[in-house]
Protein backbone atom coordinates (compact mmCIF):
# COMPACT_ATOMS: atom_id res chain seq x y z
CA UNK A 1 -70.95 -41.89 -42.18
CA UNK A 2 -71.11 -44.79 -44.67
CA UNK A 3 -73.79 -42.96 -46.64
CA UNK A 4 -71.60 -39.84 -46.81
CA UNK A 5 -68.63 -41.80 -48.17
CA UNK A 6 -70.89 -43.57 -50.66
CA UNK A 7 -72.23 -40.24 -51.97
CA UNK A 8 -68.71 -38.84 -52.16
CA UNK A 9 -67.52 -41.83 -54.16
CA UNK A 10 -70.38 -41.47 -56.64
CA UNK A 11 -69.64 -37.73 -57.00
CA UNK A 12 -65.96 -38.41 -57.76
CA UNK A 13 -66.79 -41.15 -60.28
CA UNK A 14 -69.33 -38.92 -62.04
CA UNK A 15 -66.73 -36.15 -62.24
CA UNK A 16 -64.24 -38.55 -63.80
CA UNK A 17 -66.87 -39.63 -66.30
CA UNK A 18 -67.42 -36.01 -67.32
CA UNK A 19 -63.74 -35.74 -68.15
CA UNK A 20 -63.45 -39.24 -69.64
CA UNK A 21 -66.95 -40.27 -70.82
CA UNK A 22 -67.39 -44.01 -71.29
CA UNK A 23 -71.11 -44.09 -72.05
CA UNK A 24 -74.21 -41.95 -72.14
CA UNK A 25 -75.70 -43.63 -69.07
CA UNK A 26 -75.64 -41.50 -65.89
CA UNK A 27 -74.06 -43.02 -62.81
CA UNK A 28 -76.66 -43.02 -60.07
CA UNK A 29 -76.82 -44.58 -56.67
CA UNK A 30 -79.00 -47.33 -58.18
CA UNK A 31 -76.54 -48.11 -60.97
CA UNK A 32 -73.70 -48.18 -58.47
CA UNK A 33 -75.40 -50.96 -56.52
CA UNK A 34 -76.61 -52.86 -59.62
CA UNK A 35 -73.81 -52.91 -62.25
CA UNK A 36 -74.26 -54.10 -65.80
CA UNK A 37 -73.80 -57.84 -66.31
CA UNK A 38 -70.16 -58.73 -66.99
CA UNK A 39 -68.85 -60.97 -69.73
CA UNK A 40 -68.58 -64.70 -69.09
CA UNK A 41 -67.54 -67.41 -71.51
CA UNK A 42 -70.00 -68.92 -73.94
CA UNK A 43 -67.47 -71.21 -75.64
CA UNK A 44 -65.63 -72.87 -72.75
CA UNK A 45 -68.58 -74.40 -70.93
CA UNK A 46 -67.47 -78.02 -70.86
CA UNK A 47 -69.20 -81.22 -69.77
CA UNK A 48 -68.68 -82.20 -66.16
CA UNK A 49 -65.91 -84.67 -65.35
CA UNK A 50 -68.32 -87.26 -63.94
CA UNK A 51 -65.72 -89.31 -62.06
CA UNK A 52 -64.94 -86.25 -59.96
CA UNK A 53 -68.62 -85.38 -59.63
CA UNK A 54 -69.28 -88.85 -58.25
CA UNK A 55 -66.35 -88.42 -55.88
CA UNK A 56 -67.93 -85.19 -54.62
CA UNK A 57 -71.22 -87.02 -54.04
CA UNK A 58 -69.44 -89.74 -52.05
CA UNK A 59 -67.86 -87.09 -49.83
CA UNK A 60 -71.32 -85.72 -49.05
CA UNK A 61 -72.58 -89.20 -48.12
CA UNK A 62 -69.53 -89.89 -46.00
CA UNK A 63 -69.98 -86.59 -44.19
CA UNK A 64 -73.40 -87.93 -43.13
CA UNK A 65 -71.82 -91.12 -41.78
CA UNK A 66 -72.16 -93.48 -44.77
CA UNK A 67 -69.49 -96.13 -45.36
CA UNK A 68 -68.80 -95.84 -49.11
CA UNK A 69 -66.64 -98.22 -51.15
CA UNK A 70 -64.76 -96.18 -53.75
CA UNK A 71 -64.68 -97.69 -57.23
CA UNK A 72 -65.18 -94.35 -58.99
CA UNK A 73 -61.66 -92.94 -59.30
CA UNK A 74 -58.32 -94.39 -60.31
CA UNK A 75 -56.57 -93.58 -57.07
CA UNK A 76 -54.19 -96.12 -55.54
CA UNK A 77 -54.96 -97.00 -51.93
CA UNK A 78 -51.29 -97.55 -51.11
CA UNK A 79 -48.69 -94.86 -50.38
CA UNK A 80 -45.63 -94.18 -52.54
CA UNK A 81 -42.34 -95.87 -51.60
CA UNK A 82 -41.07 -94.65 -48.19
CA UNK A 83 -38.04 -93.10 -49.85
CA UNK A 84 -40.33 -90.56 -51.54
CA UNK A 85 -41.60 -89.14 -48.24
CA UNK A 86 -38.12 -89.22 -46.74
CA UNK A 87 -36.66 -87.31 -49.68
CA UNK A 88 -39.37 -84.66 -49.43
CA UNK A 89 -38.90 -84.23 -45.67
CA UNK A 90 -35.12 -83.95 -46.04
CA UNK A 91 -35.45 -81.38 -48.82
CA UNK A 92 -37.71 -79.09 -46.77
CA UNK A 93 -34.74 -77.96 -44.65
CA UNK A 94 -33.07 -76.55 -47.77
CA UNK A 95 -34.23 -72.99 -48.41
CA UNK A 96 -33.92 -73.46 -52.19
CA UNK A 97 -36.62 -76.15 -52.05
CA UNK A 98 -39.17 -73.44 -51.34
CA UNK A 99 -38.28 -71.31 -54.35
CA UNK A 100 -39.22 -71.31 -58.00
CA UNK A 101 -38.32 -74.15 -60.29
CA UNK A 102 -37.35 -73.52 -63.90
CA UNK A 103 -40.04 -74.19 -66.51
CA UNK A 104 -38.82 -77.67 -67.48
CA UNK A 105 -38.27 -78.79 -63.88
CA UNK A 106 -35.14 -79.53 -61.91
CA UNK A 107 -32.29 -81.09 -63.89
CA UNK A 108 -31.63 -84.02 -61.47
CA UNK A 109 -35.26 -85.18 -61.78
CA UNK A 110 -35.18 -84.84 -65.56
CA UNK A 111 -32.01 -86.96 -65.60
CA UNK A 112 -33.62 -89.58 -63.35
CA UNK A 113 -36.73 -89.77 -65.55
CA UNK A 114 -34.46 -90.33 -68.56
CA UNK A 115 -32.71 -93.04 -66.55
CA UNK A 116 -36.07 -94.68 -65.89
CA UNK A 117 -36.51 -95.22 -69.63
CA UNK A 118 -33.09 -96.83 -69.82
CA UNK A 119 -33.86 -99.06 -66.80
CA UNK A 120 -37.44 -99.98 -67.73
CA UNK A 121 -37.37 -100.13 -71.53
CA UNK A 122 -33.72 -99.94 -72.60
CA UNK A 123 -34.79 -96.76 -74.39
CA UNK A 124 -32.29 -93.91 -74.81
CA UNK A 125 -33.87 -90.61 -73.75
CA UNK A 126 -32.08 -87.26 -73.69
CA UNK A 127 -32.94 -85.57 -70.35
CA UNK A 128 -32.92 -82.25 -72.23
CA UNK A 129 -36.17 -83.39 -73.88
CA UNK A 130 -37.87 -84.28 -70.57
CA UNK A 131 -40.33 -81.70 -69.23
CA UNK A 132 -41.57 -82.03 -65.64
CA UNK A 133 -45.17 -80.80 -65.38
CA UNK A 134 -47.69 -80.02 -62.58
CA UNK A 135 -49.53 -83.30 -63.12
CA UNK A 136 -49.94 -84.95 -66.50
CA UNK A 137 -52.92 -82.69 -67.29
CA UNK A 138 -50.60 -79.74 -67.92
CA UNK A 139 -48.47 -82.04 -70.05
CA UNK A 140 -51.44 -82.54 -72.35
CA UNK A 141 -52.09 -78.78 -72.43
CA UNK A 142 -48.47 -78.12 -73.42
CA UNK A 143 -48.64 -80.82 -76.10
CA UNK A 144 -51.89 -79.52 -77.58
CA UNK A 145 -50.72 -75.91 -77.63
CA UNK A 146 -47.21 -76.60 -78.93
CA UNK A 147 -48.22 -79.09 -81.62
CA UNK A 148 -51.46 -77.70 -83.01
CA UNK A 149 -53.29 -74.55 -84.07
CA UNK A 150 -56.89 -73.56 -83.38
CA UNK A 151 -59.22 -75.55 -85.62
CA UNK A 152 -56.87 -78.52 -86.05
CA UNK A 153 -58.43 -81.98 -85.84
CA UNK A 154 -57.15 -84.52 -83.30
CA UNK A 155 -58.19 -88.19 -83.41
CA UNK A 156 -58.97 -89.78 -80.05
CA UNK A 157 -60.41 -93.17 -79.11
CA UNK A 158 -63.93 -93.54 -77.75
CA UNK A 159 -64.47 -94.71 -75.07
CA UNK A 160 -61.60 -92.67 -73.70
CA UNK A 161 -60.48 -90.35 -70.93
CA UNK A 162 -62.99 -87.46 -70.95
CA UNK A 163 -60.45 -84.73 -70.23
CA UNK A 164 -58.84 -85.34 -73.64
CA UNK A 165 -62.03 -84.32 -75.41
CA UNK A 166 -62.85 -81.50 -73.02
CA UNK A 167 -59.38 -79.93 -73.13
CA UNK A 168 -59.30 -80.10 -76.91
CA UNK A 169 -62.64 -78.31 -77.10
CA UNK A 170 -61.53 -75.64 -74.61
CA UNK A 171 -58.44 -74.94 -76.71
CA UNK A 172 -60.39 -74.60 -79.95
CA UNK A 173 -59.32 -77.97 -81.35
CA UNK A 174 -61.69 -80.50 -82.90
CA UNK A 175 -61.81 -84.03 -81.43
CA UNK A 176 -62.24 -86.72 -84.08
CA UNK A 177 -63.72 -89.75 -82.37
CA UNK A 178 -62.37 -93.18 -83.34
CA UNK A 179 -64.69 -95.98 -82.14
CA UNK A 180 -62.86 -98.56 -80.04
CA UNK A 181 -65.72 -100.50 -78.53
CA UNK A 182 -66.33 -104.24 -78.36
CA UNK A 183 -67.26 -104.34 -82.05
CA UNK A 184 -63.80 -102.95 -82.88
CA UNK A 185 -62.04 -105.31 -80.47
CA UNK A 186 -61.61 -102.34 -78.11
CA UNK A 187 -58.87 -100.90 -80.38
CA UNK A 188 -59.46 -98.05 -82.87
CA UNK A 189 -59.00 -98.88 -86.54
CA UNK A 190 -56.54 -96.81 -88.56
CA UNK A 191 -58.02 -98.31 -91.71
CA UNK A 192 -61.51 -97.08 -90.79
CA UNK A 193 -60.11 -93.62 -90.05
CA UNK A 194 -58.38 -93.46 -93.43
CA UNK A 195 -61.48 -94.76 -95.24
CA UNK A 196 -63.90 -92.36 -93.56
CA UNK A 197 -63.76 -89.92 -96.47
CA UNK A 198 -62.74 -87.07 -94.17
CA UNK A 199 -59.29 -85.47 -94.32
CA UNK A 200 -56.75 -87.20 -92.12
CA UNK A 201 -56.44 -85.58 -88.70
CA UNK A 202 -53.58 -83.28 -87.79
CA UNK A 203 -52.86 -85.31 -84.68
CA UNK A 204 -53.73 -88.49 -82.85
CA UNK A 205 -53.85 -89.19 -79.11
CA UNK A 206 -53.90 -92.79 -77.90
CA UNK A 207 -53.44 -94.41 -74.50
CA UNK A 208 -51.99 -97.78 -73.58
CA UNK A 209 -52.96 -99.13 -71.12
CA UNK A 210 -56.23 -97.35 -71.83
CA UNK A 211 -58.69 -95.69 -69.51
CA UNK A 212 -61.48 -96.86 -69.09
CA UNK A 213 -61.02 -100.21 -70.84
CA UNK A 214 -57.66 -101.38 -69.54
CA UNK A 215 -56.71 -102.44 -73.07
CA UNK A 216 -52.96 -102.78 -73.64
CA UNK A 217 -51.68 -102.30 -77.18
CA UNK A 218 -49.31 -105.00 -78.39
CA UNK A 219 -45.80 -103.96 -79.35
CA UNK A 220 -46.70 -104.67 -82.98
CA UNK A 221 -49.81 -102.48 -82.78
CA UNK A 222 -47.80 -99.67 -81.24
CA UNK A 223 -45.14 -99.96 -83.94
CA UNK A 224 -47.89 -99.91 -86.58
CA UNK A 225 -49.49 -96.77 -85.14
CA UNK A 226 -46.15 -94.95 -84.92
CA UNK A 227 -45.33 -95.88 -88.52
CA UNK A 228 -48.78 -94.92 -89.83
CA UNK A 229 -48.66 -91.50 -88.16
CA UNK A 230 -45.13 -90.84 -89.45
CA UNK A 231 -46.03 -91.79 -93.03
CA UNK A 232 -49.20 -89.71 -93.03
CA UNK A 233 -47.87 -86.59 -91.30
CA UNK A 234 -50.03 -87.06 -88.21
CA UNK A 235 -48.52 -85.88 -84.92
CA UNK A 236 -48.82 -88.73 -82.40
CA UNK A 237 -49.27 -88.21 -78.66
CA UNK A 238 -49.06 -91.34 -76.53
CA UNK A 239 -50.54 -91.40 -73.04
CA UNK A 240 -48.36 -93.87 -71.11
CA UNK A 241 -49.62 -92.86 -67.67
CA UNK A 242 -50.60 -96.42 -66.77
CA UNK A 243 -47.30 -97.95 -67.82
CA UNK A 244 -46.06 -100.36 -65.19
CA UNK A 245 -49.63 -101.40 -64.43
CA UNK A 246 -49.99 -104.39 -66.73
CA UNK A 247 -50.82 -108.03 -66.03
CA UNK A 248 -49.61 -109.68 -69.25
CA UNK A 249 -46.00 -108.53 -69.53
CA UNK A 250 -44.41 -105.12 -69.85
CA UNK A 251 -45.31 -103.12 -72.97
CA UNK A 252 -42.73 -101.06 -74.79
CA UNK A 253 -42.71 -97.28 -75.01
CA UNK A 254 -43.56 -95.44 -78.21
CA UNK A 255 -40.19 -93.70 -77.91
CA UNK A 256 -38.56 -96.87 -79.23
CA UNK A 257 -40.59 -96.64 -82.42
CA UNK A 258 -40.75 -92.92 -83.20
CA UNK A 259 -38.55 -89.86 -82.87
CA UNK A 260 -41.49 -87.49 -83.42
CA UNK A 261 -43.92 -88.85 -80.83
CA UNK A 262 -44.88 -86.89 -77.70
CA UNK A 263 -45.08 -89.15 -74.65
CA UNK A 264 -47.02 -88.15 -71.51
CA UNK A 265 -46.53 -89.88 -68.17
CA UNK A 266 -47.06 -89.24 -64.49
CA UNK A 267 -46.10 -90.18 -60.95
CA UNK A 268 -49.80 -90.60 -60.09
CA UNK A 269 -50.67 -94.18 -60.95
CA UNK A 270 -47.75 -96.64 -60.92
CA UNK A 271 -45.95 -94.59 -58.25
CA UNK A 272 -49.11 -94.01 -56.13
CA UNK A 273 -48.71 -90.22 -56.00
CA UNK A 274 -52.00 -88.84 -57.37
CA UNK A 275 -52.15 -85.95 -54.90
CA UNK A 276 -48.59 -84.82 -55.56
CA UNK A 277 -49.55 -83.52 -59.01
CA UNK A 278 -46.24 -84.23 -60.70
CA UNK A 279 -46.03 -85.58 -64.22
CA UNK A 280 -43.69 -85.42 -67.16
CA UNK A 281 -43.69 -85.24 -70.94
CA UNK A 282 -41.03 -86.07 -73.50
CA UNK A 283 -41.02 -83.86 -76.58
CA UNK A 284 -39.09 -84.04 -79.83
CA UNK A 285 -36.27 -81.45 -80.06
CA UNK A 286 -37.98 -79.16 -82.57
CA UNK A 287 -40.78 -78.45 -80.06
CA UNK A 288 -38.70 -77.60 -77.00
CA UNK A 289 -38.54 -73.83 -77.54
CA UNK A 290 -42.31 -73.45 -77.96
CA UNK A 291 -42.96 -75.78 -74.99
CA UNK A 292 -40.61 -73.80 -72.74
CA UNK A 293 -42.29 -70.49 -73.52
CA UNK A 294 -45.73 -71.97 -72.94
CA UNK A 295 -44.68 -73.51 -69.62
CA UNK A 296 -43.10 -70.25 -68.44
CA UNK A 297 -46.28 -68.33 -69.14
CA UNK A 298 -48.82 -70.92 -67.97
CA UNK A 299 -47.34 -72.08 -64.65
CA UNK A 300 -43.75 -70.70 -64.43
CA UNK A 301 -42.41 -74.05 -63.21
CA UNK A 302 -43.56 -77.26 -61.52
CA UNK A 303 -43.66 -77.29 -57.69
CA UNK A 304 -40.13 -77.73 -56.40
CA UNK A 305 -40.83 -79.60 -53.13
CA UNK A 306 -42.81 -82.26 -54.99
CA UNK A 307 -39.93 -82.78 -57.40
CA UNK A 308 -37.56 -83.37 -54.48
CA UNK A 309 -39.73 -86.28 -53.37
CA UNK A 310 -40.49 -87.59 -56.83
CA UNK A 311 -36.85 -88.22 -57.69
CA UNK A 312 -36.80 -91.00 -55.09
CA UNK A 313 -39.85 -92.75 -56.60
CA UNK A 314 -37.60 -94.75 -58.95
CA UNK A 315 -35.58 -96.30 -56.11
CA UNK A 316 -37.94 -99.14 -55.19
CA UNK A 317 -39.28 -100.95 -58.26
CA UNK A 318 -39.83 -104.09 -56.14
CA UNK A 319 -42.39 -102.37 -53.92
CA UNK A 320 -44.17 -100.88 -56.91
CA UNK A 321 -44.30 -104.22 -58.71
CA UNK A 322 -45.79 -105.84 -55.60
CA UNK A 323 -48.66 -103.34 -55.81
CA UNK A 324 -49.31 -104.43 -59.39
CA UNK A 325 -49.77 -107.99 -58.14
CA UNK A 326 -52.37 -106.68 -55.68
CA UNK A 327 -54.26 -104.90 -58.46
CA UNK A 328 -54.21 -108.14 -60.44
CA UNK A 329 -55.77 -109.94 -57.46
CA UNK A 330 -58.35 -107.18 -57.07
CA UNK A 331 -59.35 -107.46 -60.71
CA UNK A 332 -59.74 -111.22 -60.44
CA UNK A 333 -61.94 -110.84 -57.35
CA UNK A 334 -64.36 -108.54 -59.13
CA UNK A 335 -64.41 -110.55 -62.35
CA UNK A 336 -65.04 -113.83 -60.54
CA UNK A 337 -67.50 -112.46 -57.96
CA UNK A 338 -69.74 -110.06 -59.87
CA UNK A 339 -72.68 -111.44 -61.93
CA UNK A 340 -71.80 -112.28 -65.52
CA UNK A 341 -74.72 -110.26 -66.87
CA UNK A 342 -73.55 -107.26 -64.86
CA UNK A 343 -70.09 -107.44 -66.43
CA UNK A 344 -71.51 -108.30 -69.85
CA UNK A 345 -69.21 -107.94 -72.85
CA UNK A 346 -66.55 -106.22 -70.77
CA UNK A 347 -63.22 -104.94 -72.03
CA UNK A 348 -60.15 -107.15 -71.43
CA UNK A 349 -58.67 -104.98 -68.61
CA UNK A 350 -55.13 -106.32 -69.06
CA UNK A 351 -53.69 -103.11 -67.65
CA UNK A 352 -54.45 -100.01 -65.58
CA UNK A 353 -57.00 -100.74 -62.82
CA UNK A 354 -60.43 -100.52 -64.38
CA UNK A 355 -63.26 -102.82 -65.40
CA UNK A 356 -65.49 -101.38 -68.12
CA UNK A 357 -68.67 -103.34 -67.44
CA UNK A 358 -71.39 -103.77 -70.06
CA UNK A 359 -74.73 -103.43 -68.25
CA UNK A 360 -76.73 -103.84 -71.46
CA UNK A 361 -76.74 -107.59 -70.84
CA UNK A 362 -78.89 -107.17 -67.73
CA UNK A 363 -82.08 -107.02 -69.80
CA UNK A 364 -82.88 -103.39 -69.02
CA UNK A 365 -85.18 -101.86 -71.64
CA UNK A 366 -83.08 -98.69 -71.72
CA UNK A 367 -79.75 -99.08 -69.92
CA UNK A 368 -78.90 -95.87 -68.10
CA UNK A 369 -75.45 -95.83 -66.56
CA UNK A 370 -76.06 -92.54 -64.74
CA UNK A 371 -79.22 -93.85 -63.08
CA UNK A 372 -77.58 -97.14 -62.18
CA UNK A 373 -74.46 -95.50 -60.76
CA UNK A 374 -76.59 -93.14 -58.70
CA UNK A 375 -78.72 -95.97 -57.36
CA UNK A 376 -75.68 -98.08 -56.54
CA UNK A 377 -74.15 -95.19 -54.60
CA UNK A 378 -77.25 -94.16 -52.65
CA UNK A 379 -78.60 -97.67 -52.00
CA UNK A 380 -75.52 -99.91 -51.83
CA UNK A 381 -72.96 -97.24 -50.96
CA UNK A 382 -70.67 -98.39 -53.77
CA UNK A 383 -69.39 -95.58 -55.99
CA UNK A 384 -68.57 -96.09 -59.67
CA UNK A 385 -68.40 -93.88 -62.77
CA UNK A 386 -71.10 -93.85 -65.49
CA UNK A 387 -69.82 -94.83 -68.91
CA UNK A 388 -71.17 -91.64 -70.50
CA UNK A 389 -68.13 -89.91 -69.01
CA UNK A 390 -65.98 -91.85 -71.49
CA UNK A 391 -68.32 -92.40 -74.45
CA UNK A 392 -71.11 -89.93 -75.13
CA UNK A 393 -72.80 -92.21 -77.68
CA UNK A 394 -72.67 -95.68 -76.11
CA UNK A 395 -71.56 -94.96 -72.56
CA UNK A 396 -75.09 -95.32 -71.21
CA UNK A 397 -74.49 -99.09 -71.58
CA UNK A 398 -71.38 -99.15 -69.38
CA UNK A 399 -70.04 -98.56 -65.89
CA UNK A 400 -66.37 -98.12 -64.99
CA UNK A 401 -65.26 -99.84 -61.80
CA UNK A 402 -61.84 -99.02 -60.40
CA UNK A 403 -60.02 -101.80 -58.54
CA UNK A 404 -57.23 -99.52 -57.29
CA UNK A 405 -58.47 -99.79 -53.71
CA UNK A 406 -57.74 -102.37 -51.07
CA UNK A 407 -58.42 -106.07 -51.61
CA UNK A 408 -60.82 -106.01 -48.65
CA UNK A 409 -62.79 -103.26 -50.38
CA UNK A 410 -63.05 -105.31 -53.57
CA UNK A 411 -64.53 -108.22 -51.65
CA UNK A 412 -66.97 -105.97 -49.83
CA UNK A 413 -67.94 -104.15 -53.02
CA UNK A 414 -68.69 -107.48 -54.70
CA UNK A 415 -70.87 -108.55 -51.78
CA UNK A 416 -72.80 -105.26 -51.76
CA UNK A 417 -73.39 -105.24 -55.52
CA UNK A 418 -74.58 -108.86 -55.48
CA UNK A 419 -76.96 -108.10 -52.62
CA UNK A 420 -78.24 -104.87 -54.20
CA UNK A 421 -78.56 -105.79 -57.88
CA UNK A 422 -81.70 -108.01 -57.58
CA UNK A 423 -83.66 -105.18 -55.94
CA UNK A 424 -82.54 -102.72 -58.62
CA UNK A 425 -83.59 -105.11 -61.37
CA UNK A 426 -86.86 -105.84 -59.61
CA UNK A 427 -87.68 -102.12 -59.58
CA UNK A 428 -86.93 -102.12 -63.31
CA UNK A 429 -89.41 -104.99 -63.73
CA UNK A 430 -87.02 -107.74 -64.79
CA UNK A 431 -85.64 -110.86 -63.18
CA UNK A 432 -82.37 -110.76 -61.32
CA UNK A 433 -79.25 -111.69 -63.24
CA UNK A 434 -77.68 -114.99 -62.37
């Protein structure tokens, strides 16, 4: 019976081809079962996001019973304020919660985000310029598409968050790498960019606090960047996702220094809501029409239930600030407990929750962050992210360690690394670091 239907289908398709010929190739039973190869992209094959690849590897180890300490991803180990869950649960009984949201997000949440800038920074923000997004990642996509055209050049710091570079490439934009390593004091130089001999970029994307270094720009540096971009016609995008997570005072927002800046933020880090996938962006007024049309066509609107919970995230700053104190303690545990040569010429980590360790001081002939991260995971069951995820030129000399987990995990991770490192160095043929 199946063979009869198969033959009938081929007969019908051949008849259609006689009436509407598409090619000179006959349709046979063999060609039906073995179609021509279909088109796949040759331009959007991007590098892997190694932090997530390491996370996948840890899941495989854990499925086999391994006890892995997670230092590979910037994921808080604490829940959001209780009011967030309560607001979500209460909203689920309202039928409208389960429907579409408008492209920019629900008005009450946009108003509350604007209020956050008044509360936190004394910065006036018009809620009409606030765009709620499905995670900050879509905020970056909207910013790139609304601000730039294919072929435009966007300056980004290296080391830096790998998705910046990868998204720019996928959208046909050219990343212009600005070194911000130890030799540059971990901050990119505008003077070096201007003196490079190349045309100035069309845009610039900076983060403060920065991932993976934890560097926090001073208010003066931020003012200087905003002014430089304005004078030179360079569209500035500021990633402020780690705002609130600083250990040396509260930095200001770029919105106080520029009326043309695009600011991206999220509920993921400071508010401990990584899995909720809710972020926001603040755009200048002249971009709102283009942003709205892009949002409507890319994702229609952000998830409405998540917005109902997120609006309550601003109601307990005391709890959130207490978590920052815990991150500070976690950082100090790792810095004081791990071998100095393992940390090397590390970045300051005055914000966010990362240590960007410099393993080149260990005496390895050819430091290889991928090899070291893999060995640390499989042998010590401590997961971290290779520096090549953040810096394709010098990242082989670095590892990123996240201290977003519990304080107990930081202590245990330090013990495991100290116990494991001598054997790793012995295999490499050098003496253990003191």
